[in-house]
């Protein structure tokens, strides 16, 4: 299987976020953070919003953060671990999610 998003799907995601202008986006399944970079670019263009990305594999989190640093991602955070537990934390923190992007395998 593929591990990152194609340019055409990334472009569609960028334009969805740009036109919908969500304040908070939840991504489930970060992988290496490529789709997150498209979302971040749209958030930057909108001059508002944040991305919370959840990745089941904790070991990928440092790699994702490094990729984001190289790509200039500034409006995103990644959390690693059990998705159900992470979703409960987000709810407990009072986040209002405007858009969900389920990118898990």
N, C-alpha and C. Protein backbone atom coordinates (compact mmCIF):
# COMPACT_ATOMS: atom_id res chain seq x y z
N UNK A 1 0.83 -1.20 0.00
CA UNK A 1 0.00 0.00 0.00
C UNK A 1 0.86 1.24 0.00
N UNK A 2 0.22 2.35 -0.30
CA UNK A 2 0.93 3.62 -0.33
C UNK A 2 0.99 4.20 1.08
N UNK A 3 2.08 4.90 1.35
CA UNK A 3 2.24 5.44 2.70
C UNK A 3 2.05 6.94 2.75
N UNK A 4 1.85 7.59 1.60
CA UNK A 4 1.61 9.02 1.63
C UNK A 4 0.64 9.41 0.54
N UNK A 5 0.10 10.59 0.67
CA UNK A 5 -0.94 11.09 -0.20
C UNK A 5 -0.36 11.57 -1.52
N UNK A 6 -1.08 11.30 -2.61
CA UNK A 6 -0.67 11.79 -3.93
C UNK A 6 -0.92 13.29 -4.02
N UNK A 7 -0.26 13.93 -4.98
CA UNK A 7 -0.44 15.36 -5.16
C UNK A 7 -1.90 15.71 -5.45
N UNK A 8 -2.57 14.92 -6.33
CA UNK A 8 -3.94 15.27 -6.68
C UNK A 8 -4.88 15.21 -5.48
N UNK A 9 -4.74 14.16 -4.64
CA UNK A 9 -5.58 14.09 -3.43
C UNK A 9 -5.19 15.18 -2.43
N UNK A 10 -3.91 15.46 -2.33
CA UNK A 10 -3.47 16.54 -1.45
C UNK A 10 -4.04 17.88 -1.88
N UNK A 11 -4.08 18.10 -3.18
CA UNK A 11 -4.63 19.34 -3.72
C UNK A 11 -6.12 19.46 -3.41
N UNK A 12 -6.84 18.34 -3.52
CA UNK A 12 -8.28 18.34 -3.17
C UNK A 12 -8.44 18.66 -1.69
N UNK A 13 -7.65 18.02 -0.84
CA UNK A 13 -7.72 18.27 0.61
C UNK A 13 -7.41 19.74 0.92
N UNK A 14 -6.38 20.27 0.28
CA UNK A 14 -6.02 21.68 0.46
C UNK A 14 -7.23 22.57 0.14
N UNK A 15 -7.86 22.35 -1.01
CA UNK A 15 -8.97 23.20 -1.43
C UNK A 15 -10.22 23.03 -0.56
N UNK A 16 -10.45 21.81 -0.05
CA UNK A 16 -11.57 21.62 0.89
C UNK A 16 -11.36 22.45 2.16
N UNK A 17 -10.17 22.35 2.72
CA UNK A 17 -9.87 23.09 3.95
C UNK A 17 -9.90 24.60 3.68
N UNK A 18 -9.35 25.01 2.55
CA UNK A 18 -9.32 26.43 2.22
C UNK A 18 -10.74 26.98 2.07
N UNK A 19 -11.63 26.23 1.42
CA UNK A 19 -12.98 26.74 1.20
C UNK A 19 -13.89 26.60 2.43
N UNK A 20 -13.74 25.50 3.20
CA UNK A 20 -14.60 25.31 4.38
C UNK A 20 -14.15 26.16 5.56
N UNK A 21 -12.87 26.52 5.61
CA UNK A 21 -12.29 27.34 6.67
C UNK A 21 -12.59 26.84 8.09
N UNK A 22 -12.33 25.56 8.37
CA UNK A 22 -12.55 25.04 9.73
C UNK A 22 -11.55 25.63 10.72
N UNK A 23 -12.00 25.74 11.96
CA UNK A 23 -11.11 26.23 13.03
C UNK A 23 -10.21 25.10 13.53
N UNK A 24 -10.80 23.92 13.74
CA UNK A 24 -10.05 22.78 14.27
C UNK A 24 -10.34 21.55 13.42
N UNK A 25 -9.27 20.95 12.92
CA UNK A 25 -9.37 19.74 12.10
C UNK A 25 -8.73 18.60 12.86
N UNK A 26 -9.39 17.46 12.84
CA UNK A 26 -8.84 16.25 13.44
C UNK A 26 -8.49 15.29 12.31
N UNK A 27 -7.23 14.87 12.29
CA UNK A 27 -6.79 13.85 11.34
C UNK A 27 -6.50 12.59 12.11
N UNK A 28 -7.05 11.48 11.65
CA UNK A 28 -6.78 10.19 12.28
C UNK A 28 -5.92 9.38 11.32
N UNK A 29 -4.68 9.15 11.72
CA UNK A 29 -3.73 8.44 10.88
C UNK A 29 -2.78 9.40 10.20
N UNK A 30 -1.72 9.78 10.88
CA UNK A 30 -0.78 10.78 10.37
C UNK A 30 0.18 10.19 9.34
N UNK A 31 0.57 8.93 9.56
CA UNK A 31 1.59 8.25 8.75
C UNK A 31 2.88 9.07 8.81
N UNK A 32 3.35 9.63 7.69
CA UNK A 32 4.59 10.42 7.73
C UNK A 32 4.32 11.93 7.67
N UNK A 33 3.03 12.31 7.65
CA UNK A 33 2.68 13.72 7.79
C UNK A 33 2.52 14.49 6.49
N UNK A 34 2.41 13.81 5.36
CA UNK A 34 2.28 14.52 4.08
C UNK A 34 0.91 15.17 3.94
N UNK A 35 -0.16 14.43 4.20
CA UNK A 35 -1.49 15.04 4.09
C UNK A 35 -1.64 16.20 5.07
N UNK A 36 -1.00 16.07 6.23
CA UNK A 36 -1.02 17.15 7.22
C UNK A 36 -0.39 18.42 6.66
N UNK A 37 0.63 18.27 5.84
CA UNK A 37 1.29 19.44 5.25
C UNK A 37 0.35 20.17 4.29
N UNK A 38 -0.47 19.43 3.55
CA UNK A 38 -1.48 20.06 2.68
C UNK A 38 -2.51 20.82 3.52
N UNK A 39 -2.97 20.20 4.60
CA UNK A 39 -3.92 20.84 5.51
C UNK A 39 -3.30 22.10 6.10
N UNK A 40 -2.06 22.00 6.56
CA UNK A 40 -1.36 23.13 7.16
C UNK A 40 -1.24 24.29 6.16
N UNK A 41 -0.95 23.98 4.91
CA UNK A 41 -0.84 25.03 3.88
C UNK A 41 -2.16 25.77 3.73
N UNK A 42 -3.26 25.03 3.77
CA UNK A 42 -4.58 25.66 3.67
C UNK A 42 -4.89 26.50 4.91
N UNK A 43 -4.54 25.99 6.10
CA UNK A 43 -4.74 26.75 7.33
C UNK A 43 -3.93 28.04 7.28
N UNK A 44 -2.72 27.95 6.76
CA UNK A 44 -1.87 29.13 6.61
C UNK A 44 -2.52 30.13 5.64
N UNK A 45 -3.03 29.64 4.52
CA UNK A 45 -3.71 30.51 3.55
C UNK A 45 -4.95 31.16 4.15
N UNK A 46 -5.65 30.41 5.02
CA UNK A 46 -6.84 30.95 5.69
C UNK A 46 -6.49 31.89 6.83
N UNK A 47 -5.23 31.85 7.24
CA UNK A 47 -4.76 32.65 8.37
C UNK A 47 -5.51 32.33 9.67
N UNK A 48 -5.93 31.06 9.80
CA UNK A 48 -6.60 30.62 11.02
C UNK A 48 -6.69 29.11 11.03
N UNK A 49 -6.90 28.56 12.19
CA UNK A 49 -7.16 27.14 12.33
C UNK A 49 -5.98 26.34 12.84
N UNK A 50 -6.29 25.12 13.27
CA UNK A 50 -5.27 24.20 13.76
C UNK A 50 -5.63 22.79 13.36
N UNK A 51 -4.61 21.96 13.27
CA UNK A 51 -4.76 20.54 12.97
C UNK A 51 -4.25 19.73 14.16
N UNK A 52 -5.08 18.81 14.61
CA UNK A 52 -4.66 17.83 15.61
C UNK A 52 -4.64 16.49 14.89
N UNK A 53 -3.47 15.89 14.80
CA UNK A 53 -3.32 14.65 14.07
C UNK A 53 -2.97 13.52 15.03
N UNK A 54 -3.65 12.40 14.87
CA UNK A 54 -3.46 11.25 15.75
C UNK A 54 -2.81 10.11 14.99
N UNK A 55 -1.74 9.57 15.56
CA UNK A 55 -1.02 8.46 14.93
C UNK A 55 -0.91 7.31 15.93
N UNK A 56 -1.42 6.15 15.53
CA UNK A 56 -1.40 4.97 16.40
C UNK A 56 0.02 4.53 16.77
N UNK A 57 0.95 4.70 15.85
CA UNK A 57 2.33 4.24 16.06
C UNK A 57 3.18 5.36 16.70
N UNK A 58 3.37 5.25 18.02
CA UNK A 58 4.17 6.24 18.76
C UNK A 58 5.55 6.48 18.16
N UNK A 59 6.15 5.42 17.62
CA UNK A 59 7.51 5.51 17.10
C UNK A 59 7.61 6.47 15.92
N UNK A 60 6.50 6.75 15.23
CA UNK A 60 6.52 7.66 14.09
C UNK A 60 6.52 9.14 14.48
N UNK A 61 6.11 9.45 15.72
CA UNK A 61 5.93 10.85 16.13
C UNK A 61 7.19 11.71 15.93
N UNK A 62 8.39 11.27 16.36
CA UNK A 62 9.57 12.11 16.12
C UNK A 62 9.86 12.31 14.63
N UNK A 63 9.62 11.26 13.84
CA UNK A 63 9.82 11.33 12.39
C UNK A 63 8.84 12.32 11.76
N UNK A 64 7.58 12.27 12.21
CA UNK A 64 6.55 13.21 11.73
C UNK A 64 6.95 14.64 12.06
N UNK A 65 7.34 14.87 13.30
CA UNK A 65 7.74 16.23 13.71
C UNK A 65 8.93 16.73 12.89
N UNK A 66 9.87 15.84 12.58
CA UNK A 66 11.01 16.22 11.76
C UNK A 66 10.56 16.56 10.33
N UNK A 67 9.68 15.73 9.77
CA UNK A 67 9.15 16.03 8.43
C UNK A 67 8.44 17.38 8.41
N UNK A 68 7.63 17.63 9.43
CA UNK A 68 6.90 18.89 9.51
C UNK A 68 7.85 20.07 9.62
N UNK A 69 8.93 19.89 10.37
CA UNK A 69 9.91 20.97 10.50
C UNK A 69 10.51 21.29 9.13
N UNK A 70 10.89 20.25 8.38
CA UNK A 70 11.46 20.43 7.04
C UNK A 70 10.45 21.07 6.10
N UNK A 71 9.17 20.67 6.21
CA UNK A 71 8.12 21.17 5.33
C UNK A 71 7.55 22.52 5.78
N UNK A 72 7.95 22.98 6.96
CA UNK A 72 7.47 24.27 7.46
C UNK A 72 6.07 24.24 8.04
N UNK A 73 5.63 23.08 8.49
CA UNK A 73 4.30 22.95 9.08
C UNK A 73 4.28 23.66 10.43
N UNK A 74 3.32 24.58 10.60
CA UNK A 74 3.29 25.39 11.81
C UNK A 74 1.96 25.35 12.57
N UNK A 75 0.91 24.83 11.94
CA UNK A 75 -0.42 24.88 12.55
C UNK A 75 -0.91 23.50 12.95
N UNK A 76 0.02 22.57 13.23
CA UNK A 76 -0.36 21.19 13.50
C UNK A 76 0.36 20.65 14.72
N UNK A 77 -0.30 19.70 15.36
CA UNK A 77 0.32 18.93 16.44
C UNK A 77 -0.01 17.47 16.20
N UNK A 78 0.92 16.61 16.54
CA UNK A 78 0.69 15.17 16.41
C UNK A 78 0.72 14.55 17.79
N UNK A 79 -0.16 13.59 17.98
CA UNK A 79 -0.21 12.83 19.22
C UNK A 79 -0.16 11.36 18.86
N UNK A 80 0.68 10.62 19.54
CA UNK A 80 0.81 9.20 19.26
C UNK A 80 0.22 8.34 20.35
N UNK A 81 -0.33 7.19 19.95
CA UNK A 81 -0.84 6.24 20.93
C UNK A 81 -2.18 5.67 20.52
N UNK A 82 -2.87 5.10 21.49
CA UNK A 82 -4.18 4.49 21.27
C UNK A 82 -5.18 5.56 20.83
N UNK A 83 -5.81 5.37 19.66
CA UNK A 83 -6.68 6.38 19.07
C UNK A 83 -7.88 6.68 19.98
N UNK A 84 -8.50 5.66 20.56
CA UNK A 84 -9.65 5.89 21.43
C UNK A 84 -9.25 6.74 22.64
N UNK A 85 -8.12 6.43 23.24
CA UNK A 85 -7.64 7.21 24.39
C UNK A 85 -7.35 8.65 23.96
N UNK A 86 -6.71 8.83 22.82
CA UNK A 86 -6.40 10.17 22.33
C UNK A 86 -7.67 10.96 22.03
N UNK A 87 -8.67 10.31 21.44
CA UNK A 87 -9.95 10.99 21.18
C UNK A 87 -10.60 11.43 22.48
N UNK A 88 -10.55 10.58 23.50
CA UNK A 88 -11.10 10.94 24.81
C UNK A 88 -10.38 12.15 25.40
N UNK A 89 -9.05 12.19 25.24
CA UNK A 89 -8.28 13.35 25.73
C UNK A 89 -8.71 14.63 25.03
N UNK A 90 -8.89 14.55 23.72
CA UNK A 90 -9.29 15.74 22.95
C UNK A 90 -10.66 16.24 23.39
N UNK A 91 -11.58 15.30 23.63
CA UNK A 91 -12.91 15.67 24.12
C UNK A 91 -12.78 16.31 25.50
N UNK A 92 -12.00 15.67 26.39
CA UNK A 92 -11.81 16.19 27.75
C UNK A 92 -11.19 17.58 27.75
N UNK A 93 -10.34 17.87 26.77
CA UNK A 93 -9.70 19.19 26.66
C UNK A 93 -10.66 20.25 26.12
N UNK A 94 -11.82 19.83 25.67
CA UNK A 94 -12.84 20.78 25.22
C UNK A 94 -12.70 21.25 23.78
N UNK A 95 -11.91 20.54 22.97
CA UNK A 95 -11.77 20.93 21.57
C UNK A 95 -13.10 20.75 20.83
N UNK A 96 -13.44 21.71 20.00
CA UNK A 96 -14.59 21.59 19.11
C UNK A 96 -14.02 21.30 17.73
N UNK A 97 -14.35 20.13 17.20
CA UNK A 97 -13.80 19.68 15.93
C UNK A 97 -14.76 20.07 14.80
N UNK A 98 -14.25 20.81 13.82
CA UNK A 98 -15.06 21.27 12.69
C UNK A 98 -14.95 20.34 11.49
N UNK A 99 -13.87 19.58 11.41
CA UNK A 99 -13.64 18.71 10.26
C UNK A 99 -12.82 17.51 10.72
N UNK A 100 -13.18 16.32 10.25
CA UNK A 100 -12.42 15.12 10.55
C UNK A 100 -11.96 14.50 9.24
N UNK A 101 -10.66 14.16 9.21
CA UNK A 101 -10.07 13.51 8.05
C UNK A 101 -9.54 12.17 8.55
N UNK A 102 -10.24 11.08 8.19
CA UNK A 102 -9.83 9.75 8.62
C UNK A 102 -8.92 9.15 7.55
N UNK A 103 -7.63 9.11 7.87
CA UNK A 103 -6.60 8.69 6.92
C UNK A 103 -5.92 7.40 7.38
N UNK A 104 -6.62 6.63 8.23
CA UNK A 104 -6.04 5.37 8.70
C UNK A 104 -6.19 4.29 7.66
N UNK A 105 -5.32 3.30 7.73
CA UNK A 105 -5.46 2.14 6.84
C UNK A 105 -6.61 1.27 7.29
